[in-house]
Protein backbone atom coordinates (compact mmCIF):
# COMPACT_ATOMS: atom_id res chain seq x y z
CA MET A 1 -34.28 -4.36 39.35
CA ALA A 2 -32.88 -0.82 39.58
CA LYS A 3 -34.87 1.39 41.96
CA PRO A 4 -35.53 5.11 41.49
CA LEU A 5 -34.33 7.48 44.17
CA LEU A 6 -37.28 8.94 46.08
CA ASN A 7 -37.75 12.12 48.05
CA ARG A 8 -39.93 12.26 51.15
CA GLU A 9 -43.05 13.24 49.22
CA SER A 10 -42.72 10.56 46.54
CA PHE A 11 -42.07 7.90 49.17
CA ARG A 12 -45.21 8.94 51.06
CA ASP A 13 -47.19 8.85 47.80
CA TRP A 14 -45.91 5.33 47.18
CA GLU A 15 -47.01 4.24 50.63
CA ALA A 16 -50.43 5.87 50.20
CA ALA A 17 -50.96 4.11 46.86
CA THR A 18 -50.03 0.82 48.52
CA TRP A 19 -52.53 1.25 51.36
CA SER A 20 -55.22 2.33 48.87
CA SER A 21 -54.72 -0.90 46.93
CA GLY A 22 -55.76 -2.94 49.96
CA ILE A 23 -52.30 -3.88 51.19
CA THR A 24 -52.14 -3.10 54.91
CA GLU A 25 -49.35 -1.45 56.85
CA GLY A 26 -49.24 -4.45 59.16
CA GLU A 27 -48.56 -6.82 56.26
CA VAL A 28 -45.65 -4.69 55.04
CA ILE A 29 -44.22 -4.27 58.54
CA ARG A 30 -44.23 -8.04 59.03
CA GLN A 31 -42.36 -8.56 55.79
CA VAL A 32 -39.86 -5.80 56.60
CA GLY A 33 -39.27 -7.36 60.01
CA ARG A 34 -38.55 -10.73 58.42
CA ARG A 35 -36.09 -9.15 55.97
CA ILE A 36 -34.31 -7.32 58.80
CA ALA A 37 -34.05 -10.55 60.77
CA ASP A 38 -32.65 -12.41 57.76
CA GLU A 39 -29.93 -9.79 57.35
CA VAL A 40 -29.14 -9.81 61.06
CA MET A 41 -28.79 -13.60 61.01
CA THR A 42 -26.49 -13.35 57.99
CA GLN A 43 -24.20 -10.78 59.59
CA THR A 44 -23.92 -12.33 63.06
CA LEU A 45 -22.95 -15.67 64.60
CA PRO A 46 -24.83 -17.86 67.06
CA GLY A 47 -24.45 -16.59 70.60
CA GLN A 48 -23.62 -13.00 69.64
CA SER A 49 -25.50 -10.12 71.21
CA ILE A 50 -27.94 -7.91 69.26
CA LEU A 51 -29.33 -4.65 70.62
CA PHE A 52 -32.52 -3.42 68.94
CA LEU A 53 -33.55 0.22 69.47
CA ALA A 54 -37.18 0.80 68.50
CA GLY A 55 -38.76 4.25 68.30
CA LYS A 56 -42.48 4.92 68.54
CA GLY A 57 -43.14 5.22 64.78
CA HIS A 58 -43.25 2.69 61.97
CA ASN A 59 -39.45 2.40 61.91
CA GLY A 60 -39.69 1.18 65.47
CA ASP A 61 -42.46 -1.21 64.43
CA ASP A 62 -40.15 -2.64 61.75
CA VAL A 63 -37.45 -3.29 64.34
CA ARG A 64 -39.92 -4.83 66.79
CA ALA A 65 -41.25 -7.09 64.03
CA ALA A 66 -37.73 -8.44 63.41
CA CYS A 67 -37.04 -9.67 66.93
CA PRO A 68 -39.19 -12.84 66.90
CA TRP A 69 -37.37 -14.06 63.78
CA VAL A 70 -33.88 -13.79 65.31
CA SER A 71 -32.76 -17.06 66.88
CA ASN A 72 -29.66 -18.36 68.67
CA ARG A 73 -28.56 -14.81 69.45
CA ARG A 74 -28.77 -12.83 72.67
CA VAL A 75 -31.41 -10.22 71.82
CA THR A 76 -32.14 -7.04 73.79
CA LEU A 77 -35.03 -4.83 72.66
CA ILE A 78 -35.43 -1.32 74.07
CA HIS A 79 -38.63 0.60 73.29
CA LEU A 80 -37.91 4.32 73.06
CA HIS A 81 -41.19 6.20 73.15
CA ALA A 82 -39.54 8.95 75.18
CA PRO A 83 -35.77 8.96 75.70
CA HIS A 84 -35.80 10.21 79.28
CA ASP A 85 -37.45 6.93 80.33
CA GLN A 86 -34.86 4.68 78.72
CA LEU A 87 -31.72 6.79 78.29
CA ASN A 88 -29.87 5.15 81.18
CA ALA A 89 -30.85 1.70 79.95
CA CYS A 90 -29.48 2.52 76.50
CA VAL A 91 -26.21 3.87 77.85
CA GLU A 92 -25.80 0.75 79.99
CA ALA A 93 -26.54 -1.45 76.96
CA PHE A 94 -23.96 0.45 74.89
CA SER A 95 -21.35 -0.07 77.60
CA ARG A 96 -21.80 -3.85 77.38
CA GLY A 97 -20.50 -3.72 73.80
CA PRO A 98 -23.14 -5.58 71.80
CA ASP A 99 -21.94 -7.25 68.62
CA LEU A 100 -24.59 -5.42 66.59
CA ILE A 101 -26.94 -2.50 67.17
CA VAL A 102 -30.02 -2.15 64.97
CA GLU A 103 -31.70 1.22 65.31
CA GLY A 104 -35.13 2.32 64.13
CA LEU A 105 -35.63 5.48 66.16
CA PHE A 106 -36.90 7.83 63.44
CA GLY A 107 -37.82 7.45 59.79
CA VAL A 108 -38.10 9.62 56.68
CA GLY A 109 -40.92 11.69 58.18
CA LEU A 110 -38.66 13.41 60.70
CA ASN A 111 -38.67 17.16 60.02
CA ARG A 112 -37.45 18.68 63.28
CA LEU A 113 -34.14 18.98 65.06
CA LEU A 114 -33.15 16.25 67.49
CA GLU A 115 -32.56 18.08 70.72
CA GLY A 116 -32.25 17.41 74.43
CA GLU A 117 -32.20 13.78 75.44
CA TRP A 118 -32.74 12.57 71.86
CA SER A 119 -29.56 14.37 70.90
CA THR A 120 -27.77 12.89 73.90
CA LEU A 121 -28.94 9.39 73.00
CA VAL A 122 -27.74 9.63 69.39
CA THR A 123 -24.44 11.15 70.49
CA ARG A 124 -23.87 8.29 72.95
CA LEU A 125 -24.77 5.77 70.24
CA ASN A 126 -22.25 7.31 67.85
CA ALA A 127 -19.57 7.25 70.53
CA CYS A 128 -19.84 3.54 71.25
CA ALA A 129 -17.55 1.34 69.16
CA CYS A 130 -20.27 -1.05 68.04
CA LYS A 131 -21.35 -1.95 64.53
CA THR A 132 -24.58 -0.07 63.92
CA ILE A 133 -27.32 -0.70 61.38
CA SER A 134 -29.94 1.98 60.61
CA ILE A 135 -33.30 0.87 59.29
CA ASP A 136 -34.64 2.84 56.31
CA ILE A 137 -32.61 5.98 57.11
CA PRO A 138 -30.14 6.94 59.84
CA SER A 139 -32.21 8.52 62.57
CA GLY A 140 -31.85 12.29 62.47
CA LEU A 141 -30.85 12.50 58.79
CA ASP A 142 -33.10 14.57 56.54
CA ALA A 143 -34.44 12.30 53.79
CA ASP A 144 -34.36 15.02 51.12
CA SER A 145 -31.25 17.05 51.86
CA GLY A 146 -29.01 14.45 53.49
CA VAL A 147 -28.25 16.98 56.23
CA PRO A 148 -28.43 15.94 59.90
CA LEU A 149 -31.25 17.52 61.85
CA GLY A 150 -28.98 18.69 64.63
CA VAL A 151 -27.43 15.25 65.11
CA ALA A 152 -27.84 11.95 63.25
CA VAL A 153 -26.82 8.34 63.74
CA GLU A 154 -23.50 7.51 62.07
CA ALA A 155 -24.36 4.03 60.81
CA ASP A 156 -21.98 1.44 59.43
CA GLN A 157 -24.80 0.25 57.17
CA THR A 158 -28.26 1.48 56.24
CA TRP A 159 -30.90 -1.00 55.16
CA THR A 160 -33.41 1.20 53.42
CA ILE A 161 -36.92 -0.02 52.69
CA GLY A 162 -38.28 -0.39 49.17
CA ALA A 163 -36.12 2.21 47.42
CA PRO A 164 -33.27 4.57 48.35
CA LYS A 165 -34.08 8.04 49.63
CA GLN A 166 -32.74 11.05 47.77
CA GLY A 167 -30.79 12.55 50.66
CA MET A 168 -28.76 9.39 51.16
CA LEU A 169 -26.69 10.14 48.06
CA GLU A 170 -25.91 13.74 48.92
CA PRO A 171 -22.15 14.35 49.29
CA ASN A 172 -22.00 14.61 53.07
CA ALA A 173 -24.56 11.90 53.82
CA SER A 174 -22.18 8.94 53.45
CA ARG A 175 -20.75 9.70 56.90
CA TYR A 176 -24.15 8.78 58.33
CA VAL A 177 -25.45 6.24 55.81
CA GLY A 178 -22.40 4.01 55.61
CA GLN A 179 -22.89 1.11 53.20
CA LEU A 180 -26.32 1.38 51.63
CA SER A 181 -28.46 -1.60 50.67
CA ILE A 182 -32.10 -2.02 49.75
CA LEU A 183 -34.68 -4.19 51.51
CA GLY A 184 -36.85 -4.73 48.48
CA ASP A 185 -39.84 -7.02 47.93
CA VAL A 186 -41.47 -6.20 51.25
CA GLY A 187 -45.04 -6.05 49.96
CA LEU A 188 -45.21 -2.46 48.76
CA LEU A 189 -47.10 -1.83 45.53
CA GLY A 190 -45.01 -1.97 42.34
CA LEU A 191 -43.18 1.32 41.91
CA ARG A 192 -43.72 3.20 38.67
CA ASP A 193 -40.45 4.70 37.48
CA SER A 194 -41.67 6.78 34.54
CA ASP A 195 -41.20 10.03 36.42
CA HIS A 196 -37.67 9.27 37.61
CA ARG A 197 -34.27 9.70 35.97
CA LEU A 198 -31.87 8.66 38.74
CA PHE A 199 -31.75 4.99 39.74
CA TRP A 200 -29.98 2.80 42.28
CA GLY A 201 -28.67 -0.33 40.58
CA GLU A 202 -29.14 -3.77 42.08
CA ASP A 203 -27.42 -7.10 41.68
CA ASP A 204 -30.39 -8.67 39.91
CA ASP A 205 -30.04 -6.16 37.06
CA PHE A 206 -27.29 -8.47 35.78
CA THR A 207 -28.69 -11.96 36.28
CA CYS A 208 -28.21 -12.70 32.57
CA TYR A 209 -24.54 -11.62 32.63
CA PRO A 210 -21.99 -12.65 31.56
CA LEU A 211 -23.74 -13.35 28.29
CA ARG A 212 -23.89 -16.95 27.14
CA ARG A 213 -21.68 -18.05 24.28
CA ARG A 214 -22.79 -20.25 21.45
CA LEU A 215 -21.00 -23.58 21.14
CA GLU A 216 -20.03 -23.19 17.47
CA THR A 217 -17.84 -20.09 17.92
CA HIS A 218 -14.16 -19.17 17.86
CA LYS A 219 -12.04 -16.23 18.95
CA GLY A 220 -13.05 -14.25 15.89
CA SER A 221 -16.63 -14.30 17.17
CA TYR A 222 -15.80 -12.12 20.16
CA GLY A 223 -14.02 -9.13 18.74
CA THR A 224 -10.64 -7.52 19.21
CA ALA A 225 -9.91 -5.12 22.05
CA GLN A 226 -7.14 -2.68 21.12
CA ILE A 227 -5.38 -0.79 23.93
CA PHE A 228 -3.04 2.20 23.75
CA ALA A 229 -1.55 2.42 27.23
CA GLY A 230 1.66 2.70 29.24
CA SER A 231 4.71 4.93 29.07
CA HIS A 232 7.95 5.54 30.95
CA GLY A 233 7.18 5.61 34.66
CA PHE A 234 3.60 4.44 34.11
CA HIS A 235 3.96 1.00 32.58
CA GLY A 236 1.93 -0.77 35.28
CA ALA A 237 -1.24 0.87 33.98
CA ALA A 238 -0.81 -0.90 30.66
CA VAL A 239 -0.42 -4.27 32.36
CA LEU A 240 -3.50 -3.77 34.54
CA ALA A 241 -5.65 -2.50 31.67
CA ALA A 242 -4.65 -5.47 29.50
CA ARG A 243 -5.40 -7.93 32.29
CA GLY A 244 -8.76 -6.26 32.88
CA ALA A 245 -9.58 -6.58 29.19
CA SER A 246 -8.59 -10.25 29.22
CA ARG A 247 -11.00 -10.92 32.10
CA ALA A 248 -13.88 -9.76 29.88
CA MET A 249 -12.82 -12.50 27.42
CA PRO A 250 -12.88 -10.78 24.03
CA GLY A 251 -11.48 -12.88 21.22
CA LEU A 252 -8.20 -10.99 21.18
CA VAL A 253 -6.49 -8.30 23.26
CA VAL A 254 -3.89 -6.18 21.44
CA LEU A 255 -1.78 -3.77 23.48
CA GLN A 256 0.53 -1.07 22.16
CA THR A 257 2.76 0.66 24.68
CA GLU A 258 5.68 3.07 24.57
CA ALA A 259 8.83 1.36 23.25
CA ALA A 260 10.78 2.28 26.40
CA VAL A 261 8.56 0.09 28.57
CA LEU A 262 7.82 -2.72 26.14
CA PRO A 263 10.03 -5.40 27.85
CA PRO A 264 8.58 -5.09 31.40
CA VAL A 265 5.03 -4.85 30.05
CA ALA A 266 5.29 -7.81 27.68
CA SER A 267 6.98 -9.99 30.29
CA GLN A 268 3.92 -9.74 32.57
CA LEU A 269 1.31 -10.70 29.96
CA GLN A 270 0.65 -14.13 28.48
CA ASN A 271 -2.47 -13.98 26.29
CA VAL A 272 -2.07 -10.41 25.03
CA MET A 273 -0.38 -9.34 21.79
CA VAL A 274 2.08 -6.61 22.85
CA SER A 275 4.01 -4.26 20.59
CA ALA A 276 5.49 -0.76 20.65
CA LEU A 277 3.43 2.30 19.82
CA ASP A 278 3.95 3.43 16.24
CA PHE A 279 3.55 7.05 15.20
CA PRO A 280 1.32 7.76 13.50
CA LEU A 281 -0.84 5.24 15.33
CA ARG A 282 -1.79 1.96 13.73
CA TRP A 283 -4.22 -0.54 15.14
CA HIS A 284 -5.23 -4.12 14.49
CA PRO A 285 -7.39 -4.34 11.35
CA LYS A 286 -10.12 -6.25 13.21
CA THR A 287 -10.34 -3.85 16.14
CA SER A 288 -13.91 -3.67 17.46
CA ALA A 289 -13.26 -1.57 20.56
CA LEU A 290 -10.34 0.60 21.60
CA LEU A 291 -9.09 1.94 24.93
CA ALA A 292 -6.79 4.95 25.12
CA GLY A 293 -5.29 6.64 28.14
CA PRO A 294 -4.07 4.45 31.02
CA GLY A 295 -0.46 5.31 31.76
CA LEU A 296 -0.02 7.62 28.75
CA ALA A 297 1.36 10.36 30.98
CA SER A 298 5.00 10.57 29.86
CA ARG A 299 6.04 13.95 28.49
CA ALA A 300 8.12 12.13 25.90
CA LEU A 301 5.00 11.02 24.00
CA PRO A 302 4.56 12.97 20.75
CA ASP A 303 1.69 15.38 20.11
CA CYS A 304 0.57 13.32 17.14
CA LEU A 305 -0.66 10.67 19.62
CA LYS A 306 -3.05 13.16 21.16
CA ILE A 307 -4.20 14.40 17.78
CA GLN A 308 -4.95 10.92 16.50
CA ILE A 309 -6.89 9.91 19.62
CA ALA A 310 -8.99 13.06 19.20
CA GLU A 311 -9.64 12.14 15.57
CA LEU A 312 -10.61 8.59 16.51
CA TRP A 313 -13.12 9.98 19.01
CA GLY A 314 -14.93 11.83 16.26
CA LYS A 315 -14.61 9.47 13.30
CA SER A 316 -13.94 5.84 14.20
CA GLY A 317 -16.74 3.33 13.80
CA PHE A 318 -15.66 1.05 16.65
CA ALA A 319 -16.42 1.53 20.34
CA LEU A 320 -13.95 3.81 22.11
CA VAL A 321 -13.20 4.03 25.84
CA VAL A 322 -11.16 7.02 27.00
CA ASP A 323 -9.53 7.13 30.43
CA ALA A 324 -6.86 8.96 32.42
CA SER A 325 -4.52 11.27 30.45
CA ALA A 326 -6.45 10.86 27.20
CA LEU A 327 -9.52 12.51 28.73
CA ASP A 328 -7.79 15.86 28.16
CA TRP A 329 -7.29 15.14 24.45
CA ILE A 330 -10.93 14.65 23.48
CA PRO A 331 -12.57 17.59 21.68
CA LYS A 332 -15.84 18.96 22.93
CA SER A 333 -18.74 18.67 20.52
CA ARG A 334 -22.49 18.66 21.03
CA HIS A 335 -22.91 16.74 17.77
CA GLY A 336 -23.40 13.02 18.13
CA VAL A 337 -20.42 10.77 17.51
CA SER A 338 -20.45 7.80 15.15
CA GLY A 339 -19.98 4.89 17.54
CA VAL A 340 -20.23 3.96 21.21
CA ARG A 341 -18.13 6.35 23.28
CA VAL A 342 -17.31 6.01 26.98
CA LEU A 343 -15.51 8.46 29.27
CA THR A 344 -14.29 7.24 32.69
CA PRO A 345 -13.21 10.29 34.74
CA HIS A 346 -12.72 10.47 38.47
CA PRO A 347 -14.06 13.67 40.10
CA GLY A 348 -10.81 15.60 39.63
CA GLU A 349 -10.68 14.78 35.92
CA ALA A 350 -14.37 15.58 35.50
CA ALA A 351 -13.84 18.95 37.18
CA ARG A 352 -10.95 19.75 34.84
CA MET A 353 -12.98 18.78 31.77
CA LEU A 354 -15.91 20.95 32.84
CA GLY A 355 -13.84 23.87 34.09
CA VAL A 356 -15.32 23.72 37.59
CA SER A 357 -14.12 22.74 41.06
CA ILE A 358 -14.07 19.19 42.39
CA SER A 359 -16.62 20.20 45.02
CA ASP A 360 -18.92 21.42 42.24
CA VAL A 361 -18.74 17.96 40.67
CA GLN A 362 -19.22 16.12 43.94
CA ASN A 363 -22.13 18.30 45.03
CA GLN A 364 -23.97 17.68 41.74
CA ARG A 365 -22.74 14.37 40.43
CA GLU A 366 -25.78 13.64 38.28
CA HIS A 367 -25.58 17.10 36.73
CA ALA A 368 -21.85 16.61 36.05
CA ILE A 369 -22.56 13.37 34.17
CA ARG A 370 -25.26 14.96 32.05
CA GLN A 371 -23.12 18.00 31.29
CA LEU A 372 -20.09 15.90 30.32
CA SER A 373 -22.20 13.68 28.11
CA SER A 374 -23.80 16.69 26.44
CA GLU A 375 -20.49 18.46 25.81
CA TYR A 376 -18.82 15.34 24.41
CA GLY A 377 -21.38 14.20 21.86
CA GLY A 378 -23.87 12.30 24.01
CA CYS A 379 -21.32 9.73 25.20
CA VAL A 380 -21.69 7.37 28.15
CA VAL A 381 -20.01 8.77 31.25
CA VAL A 382 -18.70 6.71 34.16
CA LEU A 383 -18.10 9.15 37.03
CA LYS A 384 -15.95 7.10 39.38
CA GLY A 385 -15.69 7.28 43.14
CA HIS A 386 -17.95 6.40 46.04
CA GLN A 387 -21.23 5.27 44.46
CA THR A 388 -19.96 5.47 40.89
CA MET A 389 -22.57 6.87 38.50
CA ILE A 390 -23.15 5.83 34.90
CA GLY A 391 -25.32 7.68 32.40
CA THR A 392 -25.79 10.00 29.46
CA ALA A 393 -27.14 13.50 28.88
CA ALA A 394 -30.66 12.43 27.95
CA GLY A 395 -31.20 9.01 29.51
CA ASN A 396 -31.33 7.58 32.99
CA VAL A 397 -28.39 7.84 35.36
CA TYR A 398 -27.57 4.78 37.46
CA VAL A 399 -25.77 4.58 40.78
CA ASN A 400 -23.56 1.52 41.15
CA PRO A 401 -24.12 -0.38 44.42
CA SER A 402 -20.90 -2.44 44.58
CA GLY A 403 -17.36 -1.56 45.63
CA ASN A 404 -15.67 -0.39 48.82
CA PRO A 405 -13.08 2.16 50.06
CA HIS A 406 -10.22 -0.35 49.75
CA MET A 407 -10.48 -0.02 45.98
CA ALA A 408 -9.31 3.58 46.25
CA GLN A 409 -5.78 2.85 45.06
CA GLY A 410 -3.74 3.36 41.94
CA GLY A 411 -4.52 0.84 39.24
CA SER A 412 -8.15 0.19 40.11
CA GLY A 413 -9.36 2.50 37.34
CA ASP A 414 -6.99 0.93 34.81
CA ILE A 415 -8.51 -2.49 35.48
CA LEU A 416 -12.00 -1.07 35.06
CA ALA A 417 -11.18 0.68 31.79
CA GLY A 418 -9.66 -2.53 30.44
CA PHE A 419 -12.63 -4.61 31.51
CA LEU A 420 -15.00 -2.18 29.79
CA VAL A 421 -13.15 -2.25 26.48
CA GLY A 422 -13.03 -6.03 26.66
CA LEU A 423 -16.80 -6.16 27.01
CA LEU A 424 -17.52 -3.58 24.32
CA ALA A 425 -15.28 -5.40 21.84
CA GLN A 426 -17.93 -8.14 21.79
CA GLU A 427 -20.89 -7.63 19.49
CA ASP A 428 -23.48 -9.05 21.88
CA TYR A 429 -22.59 -6.57 24.61
CA LEU A 430 -22.83 -3.68 22.15
CA LYS A 431 -26.53 -4.39 21.69
CA ASP A 432 -27.13 -2.57 24.99
CA PRO A 433 -23.93 -0.61 25.64
CA ILE A 434 -25.13 1.31 28.70
CA ARG A 435 -26.16 -1.88 30.43
CA ALA A 436 -22.86 -3.47 29.43
CA VAL A 437 -20.96 -0.54 30.95
CA ARG A 438 -23.10 -0.75 34.10
CA TYR A 439 -22.35 -4.47 34.30
CA GLY A 440 -18.63 -3.79 33.94
CA VAL A 441 -18.65 -1.23 36.74
CA TRP A 442 -20.77 -3.46 38.97
CA ASN A 443 -18.63 -6.55 38.39
CA HIS A 444 -15.45 -4.57 39.03
CA GLY A 445 -16.85 -3.41 42.38
CA ARG A 446 -18.15 -6.87 43.19
CA ALA A 447 -14.68 -8.31 42.66
CA GLY A 448 -13.25 -5.69 45.01
CA ASP A 449 -15.88 -6.56 47.62
CA ALA A 450 -15.05 -10.26 47.37
CA CYS A 451 -11.35 -9.53 47.77
CA GLN A 452 -11.99 -7.45 50.85
CA VAL A 453 -14.24 -10.08 52.43
CA SER A 454 -11.67 -12.82 51.82
CA GLY A 455 -8.81 -10.66 53.06
CA ALA A 456 -6.97 -10.92 49.73
CA ARG A 457 -5.07 -7.98 48.30
CA SER A 458 -7.36 -6.16 45.85
CA ASP A 459 -5.10 -6.35 42.82
CA ILE A 460 -5.73 -8.07 39.53
CA ASN A 461 -3.60 -11.09 40.44
CA GLN A 462 -5.91 -11.80 43.37
CA MET A 463 -9.22 -10.92 41.69
CA PRO A 464 -11.94 -13.58 41.96
CA ASP A 465 -12.76 -15.49 38.81
CA PHE A 466 -15.87 -13.46 38.00
CA LEU A 467 -13.70 -10.47 36.98
């Protein structure tokens, strides 16, 4: 399940509560070692070389505990109690080009600068072109601020123990953290989350998704997703949004697009009802969720379109997802709106909506979500980008764990917006709309990850079946 983000103090309190309960450090270290070994075996092939770097603290103990569980690989373990004793051995090991380096030099307790030979060691590690895994936290990175203490390991992946550490999500920390994953279920006491508001999502949050369908149903049982999207020069957004909606399998997808682009849009869609935008707007009488915005960037579109979308935001009873150009048309209001409302800005759009700089948004992403939600009637906000966040002004904010940099391309957001409206058109998903939105974001990222692993192009035509 989703894990709260912890600072150094709260993580230490969690450990202390665990030891007080009778669970020993040795028991947890053994379980962590086994989890590390399992991941190493998954990410390497028989015969490949693994270099383990173990410091003198518990992070080093975790790494040492992993070694006996690694089989059919060439394993080298270097104990680094003092770097001047083993620096040459490390440099020589780096030069041999191991297939994987697993480092556990320092943990979350580090509160001093890495200087002298420690700094040299980390610098040499960063300079070698080997895949590097950091255990719990990249050595040298401050667990609270996400700032390197002089120098820090630049990991390809970080396997953090129990729950993510607060500093790992700071804007500049990704350079050091790389891809973040959680080694959960390692014997630590159950973590109480009542005092936390920011959570890291996990795959098992969605084990019951997609929701099961009853046998005695028909297309009318699963709602109608209405989409206003696409205009001259931007017709591809309409196609991608409609395909994304179709993947969520609502009963019906209805797309209205600018008349000038109707032929190329309609020719690329098979199970979508496509027609030209009418002004004033008209929508399908059974619409249960509506998406507005993808590709509606043509200057030829009339102002009445913007006015009507703004009115729908405040008055319509169905779920409404607003993306792209339409984000600028929504009126601010601290009064609650009548139905489920979702905004899907990227950082630049969020900055424009809040009247701040992009760096302001990126430096305080959780605050940006809460402020946007508050200023737009308590809506759900999906702040896209690396580690997309989902939340509202008053509730929890969740960090999405799936996705990769190869999804940073035009059209990715259109697919996501379409997938979300397709989910929210269905009554069963509306019973827990925030979780449904989280599921949509997670599944979108998961599809991108699968495409990247398989080497397929990450476009909707190549998306795996689960999106």
